[in-house]
Amino acid sequence: MKKSRFTEEQIVFALKQAELGTPVPEVCRKLGISDATFYTWRKKYGGISPSELKHMRQLEEENLRLKKLVVDLSLDKAMLQDVLAKKT
């Protein structure tokens, strides 16, 4: 996935500006983004406080770590089953 040039905190701040009454086209113009990007951000980050955002990021990192662990364990299991099958 492409790395955003905006941090999640900057994205949440931009969304908060729009919630407080700044017109969406003006927010987009200040950031140099398209309306579509703004609405994509709103769909993903809308209504999230900075503390919730930090918690969400931690959960995503933990989920990624656990997925890698499952892959490693699945490979180990398959290897052991192959060895066991060759012995019989």
C-alpha atoms as a PDB file:
ATOM      1  CA  MET A   1       0.000   0.000   0.000  1.00  0.00           C
ATOM      2  CA  LYS A   2       1.256   3.484  -0.832  1.00  0.00           C
ATOM      3  CA  LYS A   3       2.443   5.544   2.133  1.00  0.00           C
ATOM      4  CA  SER A   4       0.387   8.694   2.626  1.00  0.00           C
ATOM      5  CA  ARG A   5       2.210  11.980   2.792  1.00  0.00           C
ATOM      6  CA  PHE A   6      -0.177  12.975   5.586  1.00  0.00           C
ATOM      7  CA  THR A   7      -0.072  11.522   9.073  1.00  0.00           C
ATOM      8  CA  GLU A   8      -3.227  10.110  10.554  1.00  0.00           C
ATOM      9  CA  GLU A   9      -3.274  13.004  13.025  1.00  0.00           C
ATOM     10  CA  GLN A  10      -3.209  15.505  10.138  1.00  0.00           C
ATOM     11  CA  ILE A  11      -6.052  13.648   8.457  1.00  0.00           C
ATOM     12  CA  VAL A  12      -8.160  13.691  11.629  1.00  0.00           C
ATOM     13  CA  PHE A  13      -7.413  17.412  12.049  1.00  0.00           C
ATOM     14  CA  ALA A  14      -8.559  18.128   8.472  1.00  0.00           C
ATOM     15  CA  LEU A  15     -11.769  16.181   9.043  1.00  0.00           C
ATOM     16  CA  LYS A  16     -12.356  18.076  12.288  1.00  0.00           C
ATOM     17  CA  GLN A  17     -12.002  21.392  10.420  1.00  0.00           C
ATOM     18  CA  ALA A  18     -14.711  20.331   7.990  1.00  0.00           C
ATOM     19  CA  GLU A  19     -16.955  19.259  10.881  1.00  0.00           C
ATOM     20  CA  LEU A  20     -16.513  22.676  12.480  1.00  0.00           C
ATOM     21  CA  GLY A  21     -17.828  24.429   9.384  1.00  0.00           C
ATOM     22  CA  THR A  22     -14.922  24.983   7.007  1.00  0.00           C
ATOM     23  CA  PRO A  23     -16.170  24.142   3.497  1.00  0.00           C
ATOM     24  CA  VAL A  24     -14.809  20.858   2.145  1.00  0.00           C
ATOM     25  CA  PRO A  25     -13.412  22.421  -1.072  1.00  0.00           C
ATOM     26  CA  GLU A  26     -11.444  24.915   1.030  1.00  0.00           C
ATOM     27  CA  VAL A  27      -9.987  22.173   3.252  1.00  0.00           C
ATOM     28  CA  CYS A  28      -9.053  20.197   0.135  1.00  0.00           C
ATOM     29  CA  ARG A  29      -7.441  23.219  -1.494  1.00  0.00           C
ATOM     30  CA  LYS A  30      -5.354  23.989   1.618  1.00  0.00           C
ATOM     31  CA  LEU A  31      -4.083  20.405   1.773  1.00  0.00           C
ATOM     32  CA  GLY A  32      -3.696  19.973  -1.976  1.00  0.00           C
ATOM     33  CA  ILE A  33      -5.966  16.926  -2.148  1.00  0.00           C
ATOM     34  CA  SER A  34      -9.000  16.002  -4.206  1.00  0.00           C
ATOM     35  CA  ASP A  35     -12.551  15.863  -2.901  1.00  0.00           C
ATOM     36  CA  ALA A  36     -12.494  12.099  -3.439  1.00  0.00           C
ATOM     37  CA  THR A  37      -9.470  11.775  -1.149  1.00  0.00           C
ATOM     38  CA  PHE A  38     -11.211  13.824   1.525  1.00  0.00           C
ATOM     39  CA  TYR A  39     -14.325  11.664   1.406  1.00  0.00           C
ATOM     40  CA  THR A  40     -12.207   8.493   1.470  1.00  0.00           C
ATOM     41  CA  TRP A  41     -10.524   9.817   4.606  1.00  0.00           C
ATOM     42  CA  ARG A  42     -13.897  10.670   6.111  1.00  0.00           C
ATOM     43  CA  LYS A  43     -15.127   7.155   5.427  1.00  0.00           C
ATOM     44  CA  LYS A  44     -12.073   5.642   7.130  1.00  0.00           C
ATOM     45  CA  TYR A  45     -11.335   8.126   9.933  1.00  0.00           C
ATOM     46  CA  GLY A  46     -14.625   9.974  10.449  1.00  0.00           C
ATOM     47  CA  GLY A  47     -15.595  10.422  14.086  1.00  0.00           C
ATOM     48  CA  ILE A  48     -12.323   9.044  15.456  1.00  0.00           C
ATOM     49  CA  SER A  49     -10.536  10.870  18.257  1.00  0.00           C
ATOM     50  CA  PRO A  50      -6.726  10.895  18.379  1.00  0.00           C
ATOM     51  CA  SER A  51      -6.695   8.400  21.268  1.00  0.00           C
ATOM     52  CA  GLU A  52      -8.994   6.028  19.366  1.00  0.00           C
ATOM     53  CA  LEU A  53      -6.746   6.439  16.328  1.00  0.00           C
ATOM     54  CA  LYS A  54      -3.699   5.422  18.363  1.00  0.00           C
ATOM     55  CA  HIS A  55      -5.569   2.398  19.716  1.00  0.00           C
ATOM     56  CA  MET A  56      -6.705   1.436  16.203  1.00  0.00           C
ATOM     57  CA  ARG A  57      -3.110   1.650  14.933  1.00  0.00           C
ATOM     58  CA  GLN A  58      -1.910  -0.594  17.786  1.00  0.00           C
ATOM     59  CA  LEU A  59      -4.615  -3.135  16.997  1.00  0.00           C
ATOM     60  CA  GLU A  60      -3.693  -3.129  13.300  1.00  0.00           C
ATOM     61  CA  GLU A  61      -0.023  -3.726  14.166  1.00  0.00           C
ATOM     62  CA  GLU A  62      -0.941  -6.555  16.538  1.00  0.00           C
ATOM     63  CA  ASN A  63      -3.221  -8.077  13.895  1.00  0.00           C
ATOM     64  CA  LEU A  64      -0.387  -8.010  11.346  1.00  0.00           C
ATOM     65  CA  ARG A  65       2.001  -9.629  13.836  1.00  0.00           C
ATOM     66  CA  LEU A  66      -0.523 -12.367  14.626  1.00  0.00           C
ATOM     67  CA  LYS A  67      -1.168 -13.044  10.927  1.00  0.00           C
ATOM     68  CA  LYS A  68       2.564 -13.531  10.376  1.00  0.00           C
ATOM     69  CA  LEU A  69       2.668 -15.893  13.349  1.00  0.00           C
ATOM     70  CA  VAL A  70      -0.200 -17.952  11.908  1.00  0.00           C
ATOM     71  CA  VAL A  71       1.623 -18.240   8.576  1.00  0.00           C
ATOM     72  CA  ASP A  72       4.819 -19.389  10.300  1.00  0.00           C
ATOM     73  CA  LEU A  73       2.976 -21.950  12.400  1.00  0.00           C
ATOM     74  CA  SER A  74       1.051 -23.222   9.377  1.00  0.00           C
ATOM     75  CA  LEU A  75       4.316 -23.768   7.500  1.00  0.00           C
ATOM     76  CA  ASP A  76       5.791 -25.602  10.501  1.00  0.00           C
ATOM     77  CA  LYS A  77       2.710 -27.814  10.708  1.00  0.00           C
ATOM     78  CA  ALA A  78       2.846 -28.644   6.996  1.00  0.00           C
ATOM     79  CA  MET A  79       6.546 -29.465   7.237  1.00  0.00           C
ATOM     80  CA  LEU A  80       5.993 -31.765  10.228  1.00  0.00           C
ATOM     81  CA  GLN A  81       3.098 -33.502   8.476  1.00  0.00           C
ATOM     82  CA  ASP A  82       5.315 -34.121   5.432  1.00  0.00           C
ATOM     83  CA  VAL A  83       8.043 -35.627   7.618  1.00  0.00           C
ATOM     84  CA  LEU A  84       5.506 -37.790   9.414  1.00  0.00           C
ATOM     85  CA  ALA A  85       3.978 -38.957   6.130  1.00  0.00           C
ATOM     86  CA  LYS A  86       7.405 -39.975   4.777  1.00  0.00           C
ATOM     87  CA  LYS A  87       8.088 -42.108   7.862  1.00  0.00           C
ATOM     88  CA  THR A  88       4.984 -44.234   7.351  1.00  0.00           C
END
